[in-house]
Amino acid sequence: MRPDGAREAAPAKVNLFLHVGPPADDGYHPIASLMVFADVGDVVTLRPAPRMAFSISGPFAGALDGAADNLVVGARDRLLARVSQSIAPFALDLEKNLPVAAGLGGGSADAAASLRLMARALRLENQPLAEIAGSLGADVPACLHSRAVIAAGRGDVFAAAPGLPRLDLVVANPGVGSSTAEVYRAYDRSVRTADLPRTPARFTDVAMVRAFLAGLRNDLETPAISLQPRIGEVLQALRSQAEALLARMSGSGASCFALCASAADAARLADRLARREPGWWVRHAIVEANP
């Protein structure tokens, strides 16, 4: 381990579409989703310490209760429980830049980044990281690799994503949380199917991505808006802008995204929306090309 510590990015997850089926006997909902990962997110740092420790800083640190149920701590403890060798104590520091309960997979990304970071810094690469990730939550396995992926099953069955061009998104959150459990309960009153659309092997440009996504949906959008109407305000604000080719909620909300034709369009839209709605969290987010 380097004496000055090591850092790992925890990129935000965006569901470009999310189809959800009725709950199975075990209570889990099958899904079909194209997940991509953006250049905005949290950061986890590992550094030597006199004893095991965990801390949270950053603009959204206050929205978290602390260490007791944080997925970073869960990832640390589950990984170390499998390690037979002696490990010198260390601290994990979470810089919380993403809104909480936002549909961006923040907690899952934090856990996944922590697993990658510990495996590398402590030379534990031979540990079953995917298995540990799956035990921590449905989105953690996808976040472990932080690459575009088609997810099915509970979100733990993966297929290669189609080739994607660079995507310029504007991601906006109205400053409120959205409870995944409550959204799913509301969704259960009018369930659809977790159908997986036929997907081209490669998208040649953003216009082709937009045409594909236009025929798809996020099945949690309507129930989430019924519980948190401000999500609808964000979608309306995005959809009313000339630069937005398509706007949709991510995950179970409350964050939404607009797909733009270019970086210039996304930067312009993000700047305008941030000035118009200073209480919102607004970012121009880049999803790098997936060749």
C-alpha atoms as a PDB file:
ATOM      1  CA  MET A   1       0.000   0.000   0.000  1.00  0.00           C
ATOM      2  CA  ARG A   2       1.329   3.433  -0.889  1.00  0.00           C
ATOM      3  CA  PRO A   3       1.998   5.539   2.244  1.00  0.00           C
ATOM      4  CA  ASP A   4      -0.118   8.394   0.889  1.00  0.00           C
ATOM      5  CA  GLY A   5      -3.040   6.106   0.184  1.00  0.00           C
ATOM      6  CA  ALA A   6      -4.841   5.098  -3.006  1.00  0.00           C
ATOM      7  CA  ARG A   7      -7.998   6.401  -4.693  1.00  0.00           C
ATOM      8  CA  GLU A   8     -10.732   4.787  -6.745  1.00  0.00           C
ATOM      9  CA  ALA A   9     -13.535   6.471  -8.643  1.00  0.00           C
ATOM     10  CA  ALA A  10     -17.103   5.252  -8.133  1.00  0.00           C
ATOM     11  CA  PRO A  11     -18.849   6.263 -11.390  1.00  0.00           C
ATOM     12  CA  ALA A  12     -22.559   7.026 -11.485  1.00  0.00           C
ATOM     13  CA  LYS A  13     -24.763   4.402 -13.127  1.00  0.00           C
ATOM     14  CA  VAL A  14     -27.468   5.536 -15.557  1.00  0.00           C
ATOM     15  CA  ASN A  15     -30.261   3.246 -16.768  1.00  0.00           C
ATOM     16  CA  LEU A  16     -30.889   4.210 -20.386  1.00  0.00           C
ATOM     17  CA  PHE A  17     -33.973   2.001 -20.193  1.00  0.00           C
ATOM     18  CA  LEU A  18     -35.377  -0.110 -17.373  1.00  0.00           C
ATOM     19  CA  HIS A  19     -38.087  -2.714 -17.916  1.00  0.00           C
ATOM     20  CA  VAL A  20     -39.424  -4.348 -14.763  1.00  0.00           C
ATOM     21  CA  GLY A  21     -41.519  -7.484 -14.385  1.00  0.00           C
ATOM     22  CA  PRO A  22     -43.808  -8.636 -11.568  1.00  0.00           C
ATOM     23  CA  PRO A  23     -42.134  -9.927  -8.409  1.00  0.00           C
ATOM     24  CA  ALA A  24     -41.152 -13.587  -8.285  1.00  0.00           C
ATOM     25  CA  ASP A  25     -41.927 -15.835  -5.330  1.00  0.00           C
ATOM     26  CA  ASP A  26     -38.779 -14.609  -3.582  1.00  0.00           C
ATOM     27  CA  GLY A  27     -39.977 -11.007  -3.834  1.00  0.00           C
ATOM     28  CA  TYR A  28     -37.374  -9.904  -6.368  1.00  0.00           C
ATOM     29  CA  HIS A  29     -38.404  -8.202  -9.590  1.00  0.00           C
ATOM     30  CA  PRO A  30     -36.831  -9.359 -12.857  1.00  0.00           C
ATOM     31  CA  ILE A  31     -35.459  -6.481 -14.896  1.00  0.00           C
ATOM     32  CA  ALA A  32     -34.022  -5.729 -18.309  1.00  0.00           C
ATOM     33  CA  SER A  33     -31.838  -2.650 -18.537  1.00  0.00           C
ATOM     34  CA  LEU A  34     -29.045  -1.021 -20.497  1.00  0.00           C
ATOM     35  CA  MET A  35     -26.743   0.396 -17.827  1.00  0.00           C
ATOM     36  CA  VAL A  36     -23.981   2.867 -18.641  1.00  0.00           C
ATOM     37  CA  PHE A  37     -21.456   4.605 -16.408  1.00  0.00           C
ATOM     38  CA  ALA A  38     -20.631   8.301 -16.465  1.00  0.00           C
ATOM     39  CA  ASP A  39     -17.630  10.428 -15.571  1.00  0.00           C
ATOM     40  CA  VAL A  40     -19.328  11.875 -12.477  1.00  0.00           C
ATOM     41  CA  GLY A  41     -19.395  10.033  -9.180  1.00  0.00           C
ATOM     42  CA  ASP A  42     -18.023   9.479  -5.718  1.00  0.00           C
ATOM     43  CA  VAL A  43     -14.413   8.737  -4.740  1.00  0.00           C
ATOM     44  CA  VAL A  44     -13.124   6.184  -2.222  1.00  0.00           C
ATOM     45  CA  THR A  45      -9.661   6.567  -0.679  1.00  0.00           C
ATOM     46  CA  LEU A  46      -7.738   3.907   1.251  1.00  0.00           C
ATOM     47  CA  ARG A  47      -4.910   4.983   3.561  1.00  0.00           C
ATOM     48  CA  PRO A  48      -2.900   3.427   6.394  1.00  0.00           C
ATOM     49  CA  ALA A  49      -4.354   4.113   9.835  1.00  0.00           C
ATOM     50  CA  PRO A  50      -3.702   3.081  13.460  1.00  0.00           C
ATOM     51  CA  ARG A  51      -7.017   1.209  13.486  1.00  0.00           C
ATOM     52  CA  MET A  52      -9.788   0.294  11.048  1.00  0.00           C
ATOM     53  CA  ALA A  53     -11.785   3.414  10.280  1.00  0.00           C
ATOM     54  CA  PHE A  54     -14.334   4.877   7.887  1.00  0.00           C
ATOM     55  CA  SER A  55     -15.242   8.485   7.187  1.00  0.00           C
ATOM     56  CA  ILE A  56     -17.576  10.376   4.862  1.00  0.00           C
ATOM     57  CA  SER A  57     -17.002  13.833   3.404  1.00  0.00           C
ATOM     58  CA  GLY A  58     -18.255  15.747   0.387  1.00  0.00           C
ATOM     59  CA  PRO A  59     -21.376  17.712  -0.494  1.00  0.00           C
ATOM     60  CA  PHE A  60     -23.788  14.852   0.239  1.00  0.00           C
ATOM     61  CA  ALA A  61     -22.092  13.429   3.336  1.00  0.00           C
ATOM     62  CA  GLY A  62     -24.815  14.841   5.553  1.00  0.00           C
ATOM     63  CA  ALA A  63     -27.477  12.781   3.801  1.00  0.00           C
ATOM     64  CA  LEU A  64     -25.916   9.539   5.054  1.00  0.00           C
ATOM     65  CA  ASP A  65     -26.422   8.232   8.579  1.00  0.00           C
ATOM     66  CA  GLY A  66     -22.829   7.110   9.027  1.00  0.00           C
ATOM     67  CA  ALA A  67     -20.910   3.858   9.073  1.00  0.00           C
ATOM     68  CA  ALA A  68     -23.457   1.442  10.522  1.00  0.00           C
ATOM     69  CA  ASP A  69     -25.215   0.505   7.283  1.00  0.00           C
ATOM     70  CA  ASN A  70     -22.895   2.019   4.680  1.00  0.00           C
ATOM     71  CA  LEU A  71     -22.118  -0.331   1.812  1.00  0.00           C
ATOM     72  CA  VAL A  72     -18.452   0.664   1.880  1.00  0.00           C
ATOM     73  CA  VAL A  73     -18.161  -0.770   5.383  1.00  0.00           C
ATOM     74  CA  GLY A  74     -20.143  -3.823   4.316  1.00  0.00           C
ATOM     75  CA  ALA A  75     -17.786  -4.364   1.378  1.00  0.00           C
ATOM     76  CA  ARG A  76     -14.742  -4.017   3.634  1.00  0.00           C
ATOM     77  CA  ASP A  77     -16.027  -6.423   6.256  1.00  0.00           C
ATOM     78  CA  ARG A  78     -17.184  -9.080   3.786  1.00  0.00           C
ATOM     79  CA  LEU A  79     -13.909  -8.997   1.893  1.00  0.00           C
ATOM     80  CA  LEU A  80     -11.741  -9.155   5.005  1.00  0.00           C
ATOM     81  CA  ALA A  81     -13.826 -12.045   6.374  1.00  0.00           C
ATOM     82  CA  ARG A  82     -12.510 -14.139   3.486  1.00  0.00           C
ATOM     83  CA  VAL A  83      -8.865 -13.177   3.912  1.00  0.00           C
ATOM     84  CA  SER A  84      -6.628 -15.543   5.873  1.00  0.00           C
ATOM     85  CA  GLN A  85      -3.528 -13.344   5.943  1.00  0.00           C
ATOM     86  CA  SER A  86      -2.911 -10.563   8.433  1.00  0.00           C
ATOM     87  CA  ILE A  87      -3.909  -7.124   7.134  1.00  0.00           C
ATOM     88  CA  ALA A  88      -2.513  -3.923   8.611  1.00  0.00           C
ATOM     89  CA  PRO A  89      -5.286  -1.526   9.702  1.00  0.00           C
ATOM     90  CA  PHE A  90      -6.461   1.061   7.221  1.00  0.00           C
ATOM     91  CA  ALA A  91      -9.080   3.755   6.772  1.00  0.00           C
ATOM     92  CA  LEU A  92     -11.584   4.049   3.952  1.00  0.00           C
ATOM     93  CA  ASP A  93     -12.687   7.614   3.215  1.00  0.00           C
ATOM     94  CA  LEU A  94     -15.761   8.193   1.054  1.00  0.00           C
ATOM     95  CA  GLU A  95     -16.099  11.485  -0.797  1.00  0.00           C
ATOM     96  CA  LYS A  96     -19.852  11.659  -1.423  1.00  0.00           C
ATOM     97  CA  ASN A  97     -20.411  13.744  -4.557  1.00  0.00           C
ATOM     98  CA  LEU A  98     -23.591  12.064  -5.818  1.00  0.00           C
ATOM     99  CA  PRO A  99     -27.034  12.728  -4.359  1.00  0.00           C
ATOM    100  CA  VAL A 100     -28.358   9.976  -2.096  1.00  0.00           C
ATOM    101  CA  ALA A 101     -31.366   7.807  -3.070  1.00  0.00           C
ATOM    102  CA  ALA A 102     -30.977   9.253  -6.546  1.00  0.00           C
ATOM    103  CA  GLY A 103     -31.267   6.330  -8.978  1.00  0.00           C
ATOM    104  CA  LEU A 104     -27.574   6.640  -9.906  1.00  0.00           C
ATOM    105  CA  GLY A 105     -26.348   3.572  -8.044  1.00  0.00           C
ATOM    106  CA  GLY A 106     -24.232   5.685  -5.711  1.00  0.00           C
ATOM    107  CA  GLY A 107     -24.082   3.291  -2.771  1.00  0.00           C
ATOM    108  CA  SER A 108     -23.557   0.320  -5.077  1.00  0.00           C
ATOM    109  CA  ALA A 109     -20.807   2.146  -6.957  1.00  0.00           C
ATOM    110  CA  ASP A 110     -19.152   3.044  -3.639  1.00  0.00           C
ATOM    111  CA  ALA A 111     -19.162  -0.603  -2.533  1.00  0.00           C
ATOM    112  CA  ALA A 112     -17.814  -1.764  -5.889  1.00  0.00           C
ATOM    113  CA  ALA A 113     -15.072   0.875  -5.908  1.00  0.00           C
ATOM    114  CA  SER A 114     -14.096  -0.155  -2.377  1.00  0.00           C
ATOM    115  CA  LEU A 115     -13.767  -3.796  -3.418  1.00  0.00           C
ATOM    116  CA  ARG A 116     -11.585  -2.867  -6.401  1.00  0.00           C
ATOM    117  CA  LEU A 117      -9.495  -0.527  -4.284  1.00  0.00           C
ATOM    118  CA  MET A 118      -8.922  -2.986  -1.435  1.00  0.00           C
ATOM    119  CA  ALA A 119      -8.125  -5.844  -3.801  1.00  0.00           C
ATOM    120  CA  ARG A 120      -5.498  -3.743  -5.546  1.00  0.00           C
ATOM    121  CA  ALA A 121      -3.975  -1.842  -2.613  1.00  0.00           C
ATOM    122  CA  LEU A 122      -3.883  -4.867  -0.300  1.00  0.00           C
ATOM    123  CA  ARG A 123      -2.945  -7.320  -3.082  1.00  0.00           C
ATOM    124  CA  LEU A 124      -6.089  -9.383  -2.654  1.00  0.00           C
ATOM    125  CA  GLU A 125      -6.912  -9.794  -6.345  1.00  0.00           C
ATOM    126  CA  ASN A 126      -7.497 -13.530  -5.924  1.00  0.00           C
ATOM    127  CA  GLN A 127     -10.575 -12.940  -3.764  1.00  0.00           C
ATOM    128  CA  PRO A 128     -14.083 -13.652  -5.228  1.00  0.00           C
ATOM    129  CA  LEU A 129     -15.019 -10.011  -5.753  1.00  0.00           C
ATOM    130  CA  ALA A 130     -18.021 -10.770  -7.983  1.00  0.00           C
ATOM    131  CA  GLU A 131     -19.507 -13.097  -5.365  1.00  0.00           C
ATOM    132  CA  ILE A 132     -19.011 -10.529  -2.609  1.00  0.00           C
ATOM    133  CA  ALA A 133     -20.486  -7.808  -4.831  1.00  0.00           C
ATOM    134  CA  GLY A 134     -23.601  -9.895  -5.446  1.00  0.00           C
ATOM    135  CA  SER A 135     -24.107 -10.353  -1.707  1.00  0.00           C
ATOM    136  CA  LEU A 136     -24.142  -6.573  -1.193  1.00  0.00           C
ATOM    137  CA  GLY A 137     -26.943  -5.604  -3.587  1.00  0.00           C
ATOM    138  CA  ALA A 138     -28.433  -6.007  -7.037  1.00  0.00           C
ATOM    139  CA  ASP A 139     -26.500  -3.179  -8.710  1.00  0.00           C
ATOM    140  CA  VAL A 140     -23.100  -3.859  -7.142  1.00  0.00           C
ATOM    141  CA  PRO A 141     -21.968  -6.568  -9.623  1.00  0.00           C
ATOM    142  CA  ALA A 142     -22.553  -4.250 -12.596  1.00  0.00           C
ATOM    143  CA  CYS A 143     -20.808  -1.406 -10.778  1.00  0.00           C
ATOM    144  CA  LEU A 144     -17.838  -3.664 -10.064  1.00  0.00           C
ATOM    145  CA  HIS A 145     -16.761  -3.355 -13.700  1.00  0.00           C
ATOM    146  CA  SER A 146     -18.360   0.055 -14.372  1.00  0.00           C
ATOM    147  CA  ARG A 147     -18.749  -0.708 -18.070  1.00  0.00           C
ATOM    148  CA  ALA A 148     -21.848  -0.536 -20.230  1.00  0.00           C
ATOM    149  CA  VAL A 149     -23.839  -3.739 -19.860  1.00  0.00           C
ATOM    150  CA  ILE A 150     -27.230  -5.274 -20.552  1.00  0.00           C
ATOM    151  CA  ALA A 151     -28.537  -6.499 -17.200  1.00  0.00           C
ATOM    152  CA  ALA A 152     -31.328  -9.046 -16.688  1.00  0.00           C
ATOM    153  CA  GLY A 153     -32.578 -11.316 -13.926  1.00  0.00           C
ATOM    154  CA  ARG A 154     -32.321  -9.458 -10.628  1.00  0.00           C
ATOM    155  CA  GLY A 155     -29.781  -7.222 -12.308  1.00  0.00           C
ATOM    156  CA  ASP A 156     -27.114  -9.897 -11.888  1.00  0.00           C
ATOM    157  CA  VAL A 157     -27.312 -11.626 -15.279  1.00  0.00           C
ATOM    158  CA  PHE A 158     -25.194  -9.786 -17.802  1.00  0.00           C
ATOM    159  CA  ALA A 159     -24.815  -9.674 -21.555  1.00  0.00           C
ATOM    160  CA  ALA A 160     -22.395  -7.547 -23.508  1.00  0.00           C
ATOM    161  CA  ALA A 161     -23.714  -4.095 -24.276  1.00  0.00           C
ATOM    162  CA  PRO A 162     -23.946  -3.021 -27.889  1.00  0.00           C
ATOM    163  CA  GLY A 163     -21.235  -0.773 -29.249  1.00  0.00           C
ATOM    164  CA  LEU A 164     -22.039   2.782 -28.201  1.00  0.00           C
ATOM    165  CA  PRO A 165     -20.731   6.153 -29.310  1.00  0.00           C
ATOM    166  CA  ARG A 166     -19.761   8.727 -26.716  1.00  0.00           C
ATOM    167  CA  LEU A 167     -22.930   9.925 -25.006  1.00  0.00           C
ATOM    168  CA  ASP A 168     -23.319  13.427 -23.596  1.00  0.00           C
ATOM    169  CA  LEU A 169     -25.987  13.514 -20.905  1.00  0.00           C
ATOM    170  CA  VAL A 170     -27.367  16.159 -18.624  1.00  0.00           C
ATOM    171  CA  VAL A 171     -28.212  14.542 -15.286  1.00  0.00           C
ATOM    172  CA  ALA A 172     -30.478  16.463 -12.914  1.00  0.00           C
ATOM    173  CA  ASN A 173     -31.751  15.758  -9.422  1.00  0.00           C
ATOM    174  CA  PRO A 174     -34.302  18.059  -7.742  1.00  0.00           C
ATOM    175  CA  GLY A 175     -32.765  17.745  -4.290  1.00  0.00           C
ATOM    176  CA  VAL A 176     -35.088  15.020  -3.024  1.00  0.00           C
ATOM    177  CA  GLY A 177     -34.624  11.309  -2.475  1.00  0.00           C
ATOM    178  CA  SER A 178     -36.658   8.479  -3.940  1.00  0.00           C
ATOM    179  CA  SER A 179     -37.107   5.280  -1.922  1.00  0.00           C
ATOM    180  CA  THR A 180     -36.503   2.245  -4.102  1.00  0.00           C
ATOM    181  CA  ALA A 181     -38.648   0.031  -1.855  1.00  0.00           C
ATOM    182  CA  GLU A 182     -41.586   2.448  -1.933  1.00  0.00           C
ATOM    183  CA  VAL A 183     -41.342   2.894  -5.699  1.00  0.00           C
ATOM    184  CA  TYR A 184     -41.421  -0.860  -6.242  1.00  0.00           C
ATOM    185  CA  ARG A 185     -44.432  -1.207  -3.948  1.00  0.00           C
ATOM    186  CA  ALA A 186     -46.246   1.445  -5.961  1.00  0.00           C
ATOM    187  CA  TYR A 187     -45.169  -0.232  -9.197  1.00  0.00           C
ATOM    188  CA  ASP A 188     -46.627  -3.564  -8.061  1.00  0.00           C
ATOM    189  CA  ARG A 189     -50.106  -2.121  -8.447  1.00  0.00           C
ATOM    190  CA  SER A 190     -49.691  -1.995 -12.249  1.00  0.00           C
ATOM    191  CA  VAL A 191     -46.815  -4.239 -13.284  1.00  0.00           C
ATOM    192  CA  ARG A 192     -45.552  -4.682 -16.823  1.00  0.00           C
ATOM    193  CA  THR A 193     -43.029  -7.188 -18.195  1.00  0.00           C
ATOM    194  CA  ALA A 194     -39.254  -7.261 -18.109  1.00  0.00           C
ATOM    195  CA  ASP A 195     -39.003  -7.658 -21.872  1.00  0.00           C
ATOM    196  CA  LEU A 196     -35.541  -7.357 -23.381  1.00  0.00           C
ATOM    197  CA  PRO A 197     -35.691  -5.515 -26.703  1.00  0.00           C
ATOM    198  CA  ARG A 198     -33.804  -6.636 -29.771  1.00  0.00           C
ATOM    199  CA  THR A 199     -30.633  -4.622 -29.684  1.00  0.00           C
ATOM    200  CA  PRO A 200     -28.318  -3.857 -32.603  1.00  0.00           C
ATOM    201  CA  ALA A 201     -24.745  -5.047 -32.267  1.00  0.00           C
ATOM    202  CA  ARG A 202     -23.546  -1.464 -32.598  1.00  0.00           C
ATOM    203  CA  PHE A 203     -24.973   2.035 -32.537  1.00  0.00           C
ATOM    204  CA  THR A 204     -23.188   4.174 -35.097  1.00  0.00           C
ATOM    205  CA  ASP A 205     -24.190   7.566 -33.705  1.00  0.00           C
ATOM    206  CA  VAL A 206     -26.246   9.354 -31.074  1.00  0.00           C
ATOM    207  CA  ALA A 207     -29.249   9.661 -33.406  1.00  0.00           C
ATOM    208  CA  MET A 208     -29.420   5.872 -33.632  1.00  0.00           C
ATOM    209  CA  VAL A 209     -29.227   5.567 -29.837  1.00  0.00           C
ATOM    210  CA  ARG A 210     -32.052   8.088 -29.472  1.00  0.00           C
ATOM    211  CA  ALA A 211     -34.272   6.240 -31.990  1.00  0.00           C
ATOM    212  CA  PHE A 212     -33.718   2.947 -30.144  1.00  0.00           C
ATOM    213  CA  LEU A 213     -34.408   4.389 -26.700  1.00  0.00           C
ATOM    214  CA  ALA A 214     -37.503   6.272 -27.872  1.00  0.00           C
ATOM    215  CA  GLY A 215     -39.409   2.990 -28.162  1.00  0.00           C
ATOM    216  CA  LEU A 216     -38.408   1.869 -24.670  1.00  0.00           C
ATOM    217  CA  ARG A 217     -39.170   3.078 -21.150  1.00  0.00           C
ATOM    218  CA  ASN A 218     -38.386   3.157 -17.463  1.00  0.00           C
ATOM    219  CA  ASP A 219     -41.243   1.239 -15.856  1.00  0.00           C
ATOM    220  CA  LEU A 220     -40.565   2.834 -12.470  1.00  0.00           C
ATOM    221  CA  GLU A 221     -41.003   6.378 -13.748  1.00  0.00           C
ATOM    222  CA  THR A 222     -44.774   6.670 -13.271  1.00  0.00           C
ATOM    223  CA  PRO A 223     -44.895   5.166  -9.750  1.00  0.00           C
ATOM    224  CA  ALA A 224     -41.881   7.257  -8.720  1.00  0.00           C
ATOM    225  CA  ILE A 225     -43.581  10.455  -9.901  1.00  0.00           C
ATOM    226  CA  SER A 226     -46.751   9.492  -8.027  1.00  0.00           C
ATOM    227  CA  LEU A 227     -44.693   9.361  -4.824  1.00  0.00           C
ATOM    228  CA  GLN A 228     -42.371  12.275  -5.569  1.00  0.00           C
ATOM    229  CA  PRO A 229     -43.963  14.749  -8.025  1.00  0.00           C
ATOM    230  CA  ARG A 230     -40.769  16.781  -8.305  1.00  0.00           C
ATOM    231  CA  ILE A 231     -39.381  14.032 -10.527  1.00  0.00           C
ATOM    232  CA  GLY A 232     -42.072  14.971 -13.018  1.00  0.00           C
ATOM    233  CA  GLU A 233     -40.939  18.608 -12.793  1.00  0.00           C
ATOM    234  CA  VAL A 234     -37.398  17.595 -13.710  1.00  0.00           C
ATOM    235  CA  LEU A 235     -38.560  15.541 -16.671  1.00  0.00           C
ATOM    236  CA  GLN A 236     -40.767  18.371 -17.892  1.00  0.00           C
ATOM    237  CA  ALA A 237     -37.893  20.841 -17.550  1.00  0.00           C
ATOM    238  CA  LEU A 238     -35.551  18.590 -19.524  1.00  0.00           C
ATOM    239  CA  ARG A 239     -38.043  17.682 -22.220  1.00  0.00           C
ATOM    240  CA  SER A 240     -38.887  21.317 -22.868  1.00  0.00           C
ATOM    241  CA  GLN A 241     -35.297  22.144 -23.873  1.00  0.00           C
ATOM    242  CA  ALA A 242     -34.220  22.155 -27.511  1.00  0.00           C
ATOM    243  CA  GLU A 243     -30.974  20.329 -26.738  1.00  0.00           C
ATOM    244  CA  ALA A 244     -32.719  17.310 -25.193  1.00  0.00           C
ATOM    245  CA  LEU A 245     -33.143  14.515 -27.739  1.00  0.00           C
ATOM    246  CA  LEU A 246     -34.794  12.336 -25.079  1.00  0.00           C
ATOM    247  CA  ALA A 247     -35.306  12.578 -21.326  1.00  0.00           C
ATOM    248  CA  ARG A 248     -35.970   9.760 -18.858  1.00  0.00           C
ATOM    249  CA  MET A 249     -35.658   8.884 -15.187  1.00  0.00           C
ATOM    250  CA  SER A 250     -32.736   6.702 -14.099  1.00  0.00           C
ATOM    251  CA  GLY A 251     -33.267   3.712 -11.821  1.00  0.00           C
ATOM    252  CA  SER A 252     -35.972   4.348  -9.238  1.00  0.00           C
ATOM    253  CA  GLY A 253     -35.282   8.101  -9.258  1.00  0.00           C
ATOM    254  CA  ALA A 254     -35.146  10.854  -8.336  1.00  0.00           C
ATOM    255  CA  SER A 255     -32.430  11.682 -10.904  1.00  0.00           C
ATOM    256  CA  CYS A 256     -33.320  12.096 -14.562  1.00  0.00           C
ATOM    257  CA  PHE A 257     -31.189  12.502 -17.659  1.00  0.00           C
ATOM    258  CA  ALA A 258     -31.393  14.129 -21.045  1.00  0.00           C
ATOM    259  CA  LEU A 259     -29.527  12.719 -24.025  1.00  0.00           C
ATOM    260  CA  CYS A 260     -27.929  15.450 -26.128  1.00  0.00           C
ATOM    261  CA  ALA A 261     -26.478  15.446 -29.627  1.00  0.00           C
ATOM    262  CA  SER A 262     -23.110  16.925 -28.647  1.00  0.00           C
ATOM    263  CA  ALA A 263     -20.920  18.029 -25.764  1.00  0.00           C
ATOM    264  CA  ALA A 264     -21.658  21.662 -26.598  1.00  0.00           C
ATOM    265  CA  ASP A 265     -25.418  21.051 -26.416  1.00  0.00           C
ATOM    266  CA  ALA A 266     -25.101  19.212 -23.098  1.00  0.00           C
ATOM    267  CA  ALA A 267     -22.868  21.890 -21.572  1.00  0.00           C
ATOM    268  CA  ARG A 268     -25.260  24.617 -22.671  1.00  0.00           C
ATOM    269  CA  LEU A 269     -28.312  22.803 -21.305  1.00  0.00           C
ATOM    270  CA  ALA A 270     -26.614  21.956 -17.997  1.00  0.00           C
ATOM    271  CA  ASP A 271     -25.502  25.546 -17.490  1.00  0.00           C
ATOM    272  CA  ARG A 272     -28.943  26.958 -18.269  1.00  0.00           C
ATOM    273  CA  LEU A 273     -30.768  24.478 -16.037  1.00  0.00           C
ATOM    274  CA  ALA A 274     -28.354  24.981 -13.131  1.00  0.00           C
ATOM    275  CA  ARG A 275     -28.852  28.755 -13.293  1.00  0.00           C
ATOM    276  CA  ARG A 276     -32.625  28.420 -13.555  1.00  0.00           C
ATOM    277  CA  GLU A 277     -32.893  25.840 -10.731  1.00  0.00           C
ATOM    278  CA  PRO A 278     -30.112  26.613  -8.232  1.00  0.00           C
ATOM    279  CA  GLY A 279     -31.496  24.095  -5.729  1.00  0.00           C
ATOM    280  CA  TRP A 280     -31.088  21.217  -8.174  1.00  0.00           C
ATOM    281  CA  TRP A 281     -27.989  19.077  -8.667  1.00  0.00           C
ATOM    282  CA  VAL A 282     -27.189  19.348 -12.387  1.00  0.00           C
ATOM    283  CA  ARG A 283     -24.197  17.897 -14.234  1.00  0.00           C
ATOM    284  CA  HIS A 284     -22.992  17.426 -17.783  1.00  0.00           C
ATOM    285  CA  ALA A 285     -22.068  13.737 -17.642  1.00  0.00           C
ATOM    286  CA  ILE A 286     -20.035  11.939 -20.276  1.00  0.00           C
ATOM    287  CA  VAL A 287     -20.364   8.245 -21.054  1.00  0.00           C
ATOM    288  CA  GLU A 288     -17.257   7.248 -22.981  1.00  0.00           C
ATOM    289  CA  ALA A 289     -17.641   5.284 -26.201  1.00  0.00           C
ATOM    290  CA  ASN A 290     -18.043   1.538 -25.837  1.00  0.00           C
ATOM    291  CA  PRO A 291     -16.486   0.244 -29.086  1.00  0.00           C
END
